[in-house]
Amino acid sequence: MALSPSPSLQTAHRVIAAYNTWTLDALLAVRSPTCTHQVLPSQHNLPPLTNAQYAAFLQPVLAAFRDFRLTVLDTVEDAAARKVAMRVSSSAVTDIGEYRYDNMIVMHMSADGAAVERFFEWADSGYSLGFVTRLLEHIAEKEKEKEREGGGGE
């Protein structure tokens, strides 16, 4: 007889589904109101983000990453501690090229296992942070171009 997945593991799978939906509402819906999201390792010097801060960071990225897909490659769960670790692979299409990336995420769940309380993401600074920085610079430049084009006729 197969065992049913724990509430924490079910929530972890909802997180993956939310990323594959690629909407801010879906991504925030699986997090507790006090959830924090931190990119590691600590050498990045990035503080934990509240839901509001994570949403502000993610908003410009959502439209820039098209056809975003997150695939689970491996999962480890500590059911008693309500922690789920996943090795994942992501891909997307952007204006500056294809995005392909493997990383680790660790989610600490709420007492009932129904929401993410703490989200840790291990990032390769040489690729992921560099790619996102270049993409955000591209987005900013496109916005400046729009302003120049729109501001000239007024």
N, C-alpha and C. Protein backbone atom coordinates (compact mmCIF):
# COMPACT_ATOMS: atom_id res chain seq x y z
N MET A 1 0.84 -1.17 0.00
CA MET A 1 0.00 0.00 0.00
C MET A 1 0.89 1.24 0.00
N ALA A 2 0.63 2.15 -0.92
CA ALA A 2 1.40 3.39 -1.00
C ALA A 2 0.95 4.36 0.07
N LEU A 3 1.92 5.03 0.66
CA LEU A 3 1.62 6.04 1.66
C LEU A 3 1.26 7.36 0.99
N SER A 4 0.37 8.09 1.61
CA SER A 4 0.03 9.42 1.10
C SER A 4 1.17 10.37 1.42
N PRO A 5 1.44 11.33 0.53
CA PRO A 5 2.48 12.31 0.83
C PRO A 5 2.10 13.14 2.06
N SER A 6 3.08 13.51 2.84
CA SER A 6 2.84 14.35 4.01
C SER A 6 2.31 15.71 3.58
N PRO A 7 1.69 16.45 4.51
CA PRO A 7 1.25 17.81 4.16
C PRO A 7 2.41 18.68 3.67
N SER A 8 3.59 18.54 4.26
CA SER A 8 4.75 19.34 3.82
C SER A 8 5.14 19.00 2.40
N LEU A 9 5.16 17.73 2.06
CA LEU A 9 5.52 17.33 0.71
C LEU A 9 4.44 17.78 -0.30
N GLN A 10 3.18 17.70 0.11
CA GLN A 10 2.11 18.19 -0.75
C GLN A 10 2.28 19.69 -1.02
N THR A 11 2.64 20.44 0.02
CA THR A 11 2.87 21.88 -0.15
C THR A 11 4.07 22.14 -1.06
N ALA A 12 5.12 21.37 -0.89
CA ALA A 12 6.30 21.52 -1.76
C ALA A 12 5.91 21.32 -3.22
N HIS A 13 5.07 20.35 -3.50
CA HIS A 13 4.61 20.13 -4.88
C HIS A 13 3.71 21.28 -5.35
N ARG A 14 2.95 21.88 -4.43
CA ARG A 14 2.16 23.07 -4.79
C ARG A 14 3.08 24.25 -5.12
N VAL A 15 4.22 24.34 -4.44
CA VAL A 15 5.20 25.38 -4.74
C VAL A 15 5.71 25.21 -6.17
N ILE A 16 6.05 23.99 -6.53
CA ILE A 16 6.53 23.72 -7.89
C ILE A 16 5.45 24.07 -8.91
N ALA A 17 4.22 23.68 -8.63
CA ALA A 17 3.11 24.01 -9.54
C ALA A 17 2.93 25.53 -9.64
N ALA A 18 3.11 26.24 -8.54
CA ALA A 18 2.99 27.70 -8.56
C ALA A 18 4.06 28.32 -9.44
N TYR A 19 5.28 27.83 -9.33
CA TYR A 19 6.35 28.34 -10.20
C TYR A 19 6.02 28.05 -11.67
N ASN A 20 5.44 26.92 -11.94
CA ASN A 20 5.10 26.59 -13.33
C ASN A 20 3.90 27.38 -13.83
N THR A 21 3.07 27.88 -12.92
CA THR A 21 2.00 28.80 -13.29
C THR A 21 2.58 30.16 -13.63
N TRP A 22 3.64 30.53 -12.89
CA TRP A 22 4.44 31.74 -13.12
C TRP A 22 3.61 33.01 -13.00
N THR A 23 2.79 33.06 -11.94
CA THR A 23 2.06 34.28 -11.60
C THR A 23 2.39 34.64 -10.16
N LEU A 24 2.39 35.92 -9.89
CA LEU A 24 2.71 36.39 -8.54
C LEU A 24 1.71 35.86 -7.53
N ASP A 25 0.43 35.88 -7.87
CA ASP A 25 -0.59 35.38 -6.94
C ASP A 25 -0.35 33.93 -6.57
N ALA A 26 -0.05 33.10 -7.56
CA ALA A 26 0.19 31.68 -7.30
C ALA A 26 1.43 31.49 -6.42
N LEU A 27 2.49 32.25 -6.72
CA LEU A 27 3.74 32.11 -5.96
C LEU A 27 3.58 32.55 -4.51
N LEU A 28 2.78 33.57 -4.28
CA LEU A 28 2.58 34.04 -2.91
C LEU A 28 1.55 33.20 -2.15
N ALA A 29 0.65 32.56 -2.86
CA ALA A 29 -0.42 31.79 -2.21
C ALA A 29 0.09 30.60 -1.41
N VAL A 30 1.26 30.07 -1.74
CA VAL A 30 1.79 28.90 -1.03
C VAL A 30 2.66 29.29 0.16
N ARG A 31 2.81 30.59 0.39
CA ARG A 31 3.67 31.09 1.47
C ARG A 31 2.81 31.60 2.62
N SER A 32 3.33 31.44 3.83
CA SER A 32 2.64 32.02 4.98
C SER A 32 2.78 33.54 4.91
N PRO A 33 1.94 34.28 5.63
CA PRO A 33 2.06 35.74 5.63
C PRO A 33 3.43 36.24 6.13
N THR A 34 4.10 35.43 6.93
CA THR A 34 5.41 35.84 7.48
C THR A 34 6.58 35.12 6.81
N CYS A 35 6.34 34.50 5.68
CA CYS A 35 7.38 33.76 4.98
C CYS A 35 8.55 34.68 4.59
N THR A 36 9.75 34.12 4.68
CA THR A 36 10.93 34.82 4.18
C THR A 36 11.58 33.96 3.09
N HIS A 37 12.20 34.64 2.14
CA HIS A 37 12.88 33.98 1.02
C HIS A 37 14.32 34.48 1.02
N GLN A 38 15.26 33.55 1.11
CA GLN A 38 16.66 33.97 1.13
C GLN A 38 17.46 33.22 0.08
N VAL A 39 18.26 33.99 -0.66
CA VAL A 39 19.18 33.41 -1.63
C VAL A 39 20.51 33.21 -0.93
N LEU A 40 21.03 32.01 -1.04
CA LEU A 40 22.29 31.64 -0.42
C LEU A 40 23.27 31.20 -1.50
N PRO A 41 24.55 31.06 -1.24
CA PRO A 41 25.19 31.10 0.06
C PRO A 41 25.32 32.52 0.59
N SER A 42 25.73 32.61 1.84
CA SER A 42 25.79 33.89 2.53
C SER A 42 26.77 34.86 1.88
N GLN A 43 27.71 34.38 1.07
CA GLN A 43 28.66 35.26 0.38
C GLN A 43 27.95 36.25 -0.55
N HIS A 44 26.71 35.95 -0.93
CA HIS A 44 25.95 36.86 -1.79
C HIS A 44 25.54 38.12 -1.02
N ASN A 45 25.57 38.03 0.31
CA ASN A 45 25.17 39.17 1.16
C ASN A 45 23.77 39.67 0.84
N LEU A 46 22.87 38.74 0.57
CA LEU A 46 21.48 39.09 0.28
C LEU A 46 20.63 38.80 1.51
N PRO A 47 19.93 39.79 2.02
CA PRO A 47 19.11 39.57 3.21
C PRO A 47 17.87 38.75 2.87
N PRO A 48 17.27 38.13 3.88
CA PRO A 48 15.99 37.45 3.64
C PRO A 48 14.95 38.48 3.18
N LEU A 49 14.09 38.07 2.26
CA LEU A 49 13.04 38.95 1.74
C LEU A 49 11.69 38.56 2.32
N THR A 50 10.92 39.55 2.72
CA THR A 50 9.53 39.31 3.11
C THR A 50 8.73 39.01 1.85
N ASN A 51 7.48 38.62 2.02
CA ASN A 51 6.64 38.40 0.84
C ASN A 51 6.54 39.66 -0.02
N ALA A 52 6.38 40.81 0.61
CA ALA A 52 6.27 42.07 -0.14
C ALA A 52 7.57 42.37 -0.90
N GLN A 53 8.70 42.16 -0.27
CA GLN A 53 9.99 42.39 -0.92
C GLN A 53 10.22 41.39 -2.05
N TYR A 54 9.86 40.14 -1.82
CA TYR A 54 10.01 39.12 -2.86
C TYR A 54 9.12 39.46 -4.05
N ALA A 55 7.89 39.90 -3.77
CA ALA A 55 6.97 40.28 -4.85
C ALA A 55 7.53 41.45 -5.66
N ALA A 56 8.11 42.43 -4.97
CA ALA A 56 8.68 43.60 -5.66
C ALA A 56 9.87 43.19 -6.54
N PHE A 57 10.67 42.25 -6.05
CA PHE A 57 11.79 41.75 -6.86
C PHE A 57 11.28 40.96 -8.06
N LEU A 58 10.29 40.11 -7.81
CA LEU A 58 9.84 39.17 -8.84
C LEU A 58 8.98 39.82 -9.93
N GLN A 59 8.25 40.87 -9.59
CA GLN A 59 7.31 41.46 -10.54
C GLN A 59 7.92 41.75 -11.91
N PRO A 60 9.07 42.46 -12.01
CA PRO A 60 9.62 42.71 -13.35
C PRO A 60 10.17 41.46 -14.03
N VAL A 61 10.53 40.47 -13.23
CA VAL A 61 11.12 39.25 -13.77
C VAL A 61 10.05 38.36 -14.41
N LEU A 62 8.82 38.40 -13.87
CA LEU A 62 7.76 37.53 -14.36
C LEU A 62 7.53 37.68 -15.86
N ALA A 63 7.42 38.91 -16.33
CA ALA A 63 7.16 39.13 -17.76
C ALA A 63 8.40 38.85 -18.61
N ALA A 64 9.57 39.00 -18.00
CA ALA A 64 10.82 38.83 -18.76
C ALA A 64 11.15 37.36 -19.01
N PHE A 65 10.69 36.47 -18.13
CA PHE A 65 10.92 35.04 -18.31
C PHE A 65 9.65 34.43 -18.89
N ARG A 66 9.70 34.04 -20.14
CA ARG A 66 8.55 33.42 -20.79
C ARG A 66 8.74 31.91 -20.81
N ASP A 67 7.62 31.20 -20.79
CA ASP A 67 7.63 29.73 -20.80
C ASP A 67 8.49 29.17 -19.67
N PHE A 68 8.39 29.76 -18.49
CA PHE A 68 9.17 29.32 -17.35
C PHE A 68 8.71 27.93 -16.93
N ARG A 69 9.67 27.04 -16.70
CA ARG A 69 9.39 25.68 -16.25
C ARG A 69 10.35 25.30 -15.15
N LEU A 70 9.82 24.73 -14.09
CA LEU A 70 10.62 24.23 -12.97
C LEU A 70 10.35 22.74 -12.85
N THR A 71 11.41 21.95 -12.90
CA THR A 71 11.30 20.50 -12.86
C THR A 71 12.06 19.97 -11.65
N VAL A 72 11.43 19.09 -10.91
CA VAL A 72 12.07 18.49 -9.74
C VAL A 72 12.94 17.33 -10.20
N LEU A 73 14.21 17.36 -9.80
CA LEU A 73 15.15 16.29 -10.14
C LEU A 73 15.34 15.32 -8.98
N ASP A 74 15.20 15.82 -7.76
CA ASP A 74 15.39 14.98 -6.57
C ASP A 74 14.72 15.65 -5.39
N THR A 75 14.20 14.85 -4.45
CA THR A 75 13.52 15.38 -3.27
C THR A 75 13.96 14.62 -2.04
N VAL A 76 14.20 15.38 -0.97
CA VAL A 76 14.48 14.80 0.35
C VAL A 76 13.57 15.49 1.34
N GLU A 77 12.89 14.71 2.17
CA GLU A 77 12.00 15.29 3.15
C GLU A 77 12.37 14.84 4.56
N ASP A 78 12.34 15.76 5.49
CA ASP A 78 12.40 15.47 6.92
C ASP A 78 11.01 15.79 7.44
N ALA A 79 10.14 14.79 7.46
CA ALA A 79 8.74 15.01 7.81
C ALA A 79 8.58 15.54 9.24
N ALA A 80 9.38 15.01 10.16
CA ALA A 80 9.26 15.45 11.56
C ALA A 80 9.63 16.92 11.71
N ALA A 81 10.61 17.39 10.96
CA ALA A 81 11.04 18.78 11.04
C ALA A 81 10.27 19.68 10.08
N ARG A 82 9.39 19.10 9.27
CA ARG A 82 8.60 19.83 8.27
C ARG A 82 9.49 20.60 7.30
N LYS A 83 10.53 19.91 6.78
CA LYS A 83 11.45 20.49 5.81
C LYS A 83 11.46 19.63 4.56
N VAL A 84 11.49 20.30 3.42
CA VAL A 84 11.60 19.60 2.14
C VAL A 84 12.71 20.27 1.33
N ALA A 85 13.65 19.46 0.87
CA ALA A 85 14.74 19.94 0.00
C ALA A 85 14.52 19.35 -1.38
N MET A 86 14.71 20.19 -2.38
CA MET A 86 14.54 19.73 -3.76
C MET A 86 15.69 20.25 -4.62
N ARG A 87 16.22 19.35 -5.43
CA ARG A 87 17.13 19.77 -6.49
C ARG A 87 16.25 19.97 -7.70
N VAL A 88 16.30 21.17 -8.27
CA VAL A 88 15.39 21.52 -9.36
C VAL A 88 16.17 22.05 -10.56
N SER A 89 15.52 21.99 -11.69
CA SER A 89 16.06 22.54 -12.93
C SER A 89 15.01 23.51 -13.48
N SER A 90 15.45 24.70 -13.87
CA SER A 90 14.51 25.66 -14.43
C SER A 90 14.97 26.07 -15.82
N SER A 91 13.98 26.47 -16.62
CA SER A 91 14.28 26.95 -17.96
C SER A 91 13.24 28.00 -18.33
N ALA A 92 13.66 28.90 -19.21
CA ALA A 92 12.77 29.94 -19.71
C ALA A 92 13.38 30.56 -20.95
N VAL A 93 12.57 31.34 -21.64
CA VAL A 93 13.02 32.11 -22.78
C VAL A 93 12.99 33.57 -22.36
N THR A 94 14.05 34.33 -22.70
CA THR A 94 14.11 35.75 -22.38
C THR A 94 14.59 36.53 -23.60
N ASP A 95 14.50 37.85 -23.53
CA ASP A 95 14.98 38.70 -24.62
C ASP A 95 16.50 38.63 -24.78
N ILE A 96 17.21 38.21 -23.74
CA ILE A 96 18.67 38.15 -23.84
C ILE A 96 19.18 36.72 -24.03
N GLY A 97 18.27 35.78 -24.24
CA GLY A 97 18.67 34.40 -24.50
C GLY A 97 17.96 33.40 -23.62
N GLU A 98 18.28 32.15 -23.85
CA GLU A 98 17.67 31.07 -23.10
C GLU A 98 18.25 31.01 -21.69
N TYR A 99 17.38 30.74 -20.73
CA TYR A 99 17.77 30.60 -19.33
C TYR A 99 17.63 29.12 -18.97
N ARG A 100 18.71 28.52 -18.50
CA ARG A 100 18.70 27.13 -18.01
C ARG A 100 19.53 27.10 -16.75
N TYR A 101 18.97 26.49 -15.70
CA TYR A 101 19.64 26.60 -14.42
C TYR A 101 19.22 25.46 -13.49
N ASP A 102 20.17 24.88 -12.79
CA ASP A 102 19.89 23.89 -11.75
C ASP A 102 20.25 24.50 -10.40
N ASN A 103 19.40 24.27 -9.42
CA ASN A 103 19.73 24.73 -8.07
C ASN A 103 19.01 23.91 -7.02
N MET A 104 19.26 24.27 -5.77
CA MET A 104 18.66 23.60 -4.62
C MET A 104 17.74 24.57 -3.92
N ILE A 105 16.59 24.08 -3.50
CA ILE A 105 15.70 24.87 -2.66
C ILE A 105 15.37 24.05 -1.42
N VAL A 106 15.26 24.72 -0.30
CA VAL A 106 14.86 24.08 0.94
C VAL A 106 13.71 24.89 1.51
N MET A 107 12.63 24.21 1.80
CA MET A 107 11.43 24.87 2.32
C MET A 107 11.14 24.36 3.72
N HIS A 108 10.98 25.29 4.65
CA HIS A 108 10.56 24.99 6.02
C HIS A 108 9.07 25.32 6.07
N MET A 109 8.27 24.36 6.47
CA MET A 109 6.82 24.51 6.40
C MET A 109 6.22 24.96 7.73
N SER A 110 5.01 25.45 7.66
CA SER A 110 4.25 25.85 8.85
C SER A 110 3.93 24.61 9.69
N ALA A 111 3.44 24.83 10.89
CA ALA A 111 3.16 23.73 11.82
C ALA A 111 2.22 22.69 11.21
N ASP A 112 1.26 23.14 10.41
CA ASP A 112 0.34 22.19 9.78
C ASP A 112 0.83 21.70 8.42
N GLY A 113 1.99 22.21 7.98
CA GLY A 113 2.56 21.78 6.70
C GLY A 113 1.90 22.38 5.49
N ALA A 114 0.97 23.32 5.68
CA ALA A 114 0.17 23.83 4.57
C ALA A 114 0.76 25.05 3.87
N ALA A 115 1.81 25.65 4.45
CA ALA A 115 2.39 26.86 3.84
C ALA A 115 3.89 26.89 4.10
N VAL A 116 4.61 27.59 3.23
CA VAL A 116 6.06 27.74 3.40
C VAL A 116 6.31 28.90 4.36
N GLU A 117 7.10 28.62 5.41
CA GLU A 117 7.48 29.64 6.39
C GLU A 117 8.82 30.29 6.02
N ARG A 118 9.76 29.45 5.59
CA ARG A 118 11.08 29.94 5.19
C ARG A 118 11.48 29.21 3.92
N PHE A 119 12.00 29.98 2.97
CA PHE A 119 12.37 29.44 1.66
C PHE A 119 13.83 29.81 1.43
N PHE A 120 14.67 28.80 1.27
CA PHE A 120 16.09 29.01 1.01
C PHE A 120 16.39 28.53 -0.40
N GLU A 121 17.11 29.35 -1.14
CA GLU A 121 17.47 29.03 -2.52
C GLU A 121 18.98 29.20 -2.67
N TRP A 122 19.65 28.12 -3.04
CA TRP A 122 21.09 28.19 -3.27
C TRP A 122 21.32 28.55 -4.73
N ALA A 123 22.00 29.68 -4.95
CA ALA A 123 22.19 30.19 -6.31
C ALA A 123 23.66 30.18 -6.68
N ASP A 124 23.91 29.90 -7.92
CA ASP A 124 25.25 29.99 -8.51
C ASP A 124 25.43 31.43 -8.96
N SER A 125 26.21 32.19 -8.23
CA SER A 125 26.33 33.62 -8.52
C SER A 125 26.92 33.87 -9.90
N GLY A 126 27.74 32.97 -10.38
CA GLY A 126 28.35 33.16 -11.69
C GLY A 126 27.34 33.09 -12.81
N TYR A 127 26.27 32.36 -12.62
CA TYR A 127 25.28 32.24 -13.69
C TYR A 127 23.97 32.95 -13.34
N SER A 128 23.27 32.46 -12.32
CA SER A 128 21.93 32.94 -12.04
C SER A 128 21.88 34.41 -11.70
N LEU A 129 22.67 34.83 -10.71
CA LEU A 129 22.64 36.24 -10.33
C LEU A 129 23.14 37.12 -11.46
N GLY A 130 24.14 36.65 -12.19
CA GLY A 130 24.64 37.41 -13.33
C GLY A 130 23.59 37.52 -14.44
N PHE A 131 22.89 36.43 -14.70
CA PHE A 131 21.86 36.43 -15.74
C PHE A 131 20.73 37.38 -15.36
N VAL A 132 20.26 37.27 -14.12
CA VAL A 132 19.15 38.12 -13.67
C VAL A 132 19.58 39.59 -13.69
N THR A 133 20.81 39.89 -13.29
CA THR A 133 21.31 41.27 -13.33
C THR A 133 21.28 41.79 -14.76
N ARG A 134 21.81 41.01 -15.71
CA ARG A 134 21.80 41.43 -17.11
C ARG A 134 20.37 41.61 -17.63
N LEU A 135 19.47 40.71 -17.21
CA LEU A 135 18.09 40.80 -17.66
C LEU A 135 17.41 42.04 -17.09
N LEU A 136 17.63 42.34 -15.81
CA LEU A 136 17.04 43.54 -15.21
C LEU A 136 17.60 44.81 -15.86
N GLU A 137 18.88 44.80 -16.20
CA GLU A 137 19.46 45.95 -16.91
C GLU A 137 18.79 46.11 -18.27
N HIS A 138 18.54 45.01 -18.96
CA HIS A 138 17.86 45.04 -20.25
C HIS A 138 16.44 45.62 -20.10
N ILE A 139 15.73 45.17 -19.08
CA ILE A 139 14.37 45.66 -18.82
C ILE A 139 14.41 47.17 -18.55
N ALA A 140 15.36 47.61 -17.72
CA ALA A 140 15.49 49.04 -17.40
C ALA A 140 15.77 49.85 -18.66
N GLU A 141 16.61 49.34 -19.53
CA GLU A 141 16.93 50.05 -20.78
C GLU A 141 15.70 50.13 -21.67
N LYS A 142 14.91 49.06 -21.74
CA LYS A 142 13.68 49.10 -22.54
C LYS A 142 12.71 50.13 -21.98
N GLU A 143 12.62 50.23 -20.65
CA GLU A 143 11.74 51.23 -20.02
C GLU A 143 12.21 52.64 -20.34
N LYS A 144 13.52 52.87 -20.32
CA LYS A 144 14.06 54.19 -20.67
C LYS A 144 13.73 54.54 -22.12
N GLU A 145 13.84 53.55 -23.01
CA GLU A 145 13.50 53.78 -24.42
C GLU A 145 12.04 54.16 -24.57
N LYS A 146 11.16 53.48 -23.84
CA LYS A 146 9.73 53.79 -23.89
C LYS A 146 9.48 55.22 -23.40
N GLU A 147 10.16 55.61 -22.32
CA GLU A 147 10.01 56.97 -21.79
C GLU A 147 10.47 58.00 -22.81
N ARG A 148 11.62 57.73 -23.45
CA ARG A 148 12.13 58.67 -24.45
C ARG A 148 11.17 58.80 -25.63
N GLU A 149 10.62 57.67 -26.07
CA GLU A 149 9.70 57.69 -27.19
C GLU A 149 8.39 58.37 -26.81
N GLY A 150 7.88 58.09 -25.64
CA GLY A 150 6.62 58.66 -25.19
C GLY A 150 6.74 60.09 -24.72
N GLY A 151 7.91 60.46 -24.17
CA GLY A 151 8.09 61.79 -23.61
C GLY A 151 8.38 62.85 -24.65
N GLY A 152 8.76 62.47 -25.87
CA GLY A 152 9.14 63.45 -26.87
C GLY A 152 7.98 64.21 -27.45
N GLY A 153 6.76 63.66 -27.42
CA GLY A 153 5.62 64.31 -28.07
C GLY A 153 4.81 65.20 -27.14
N GLU A 154 5.16 65.28 -25.88
CA GLU A 154 4.35 66.06 -24.95
C GLU A 154 4.91 67.44 -24.75
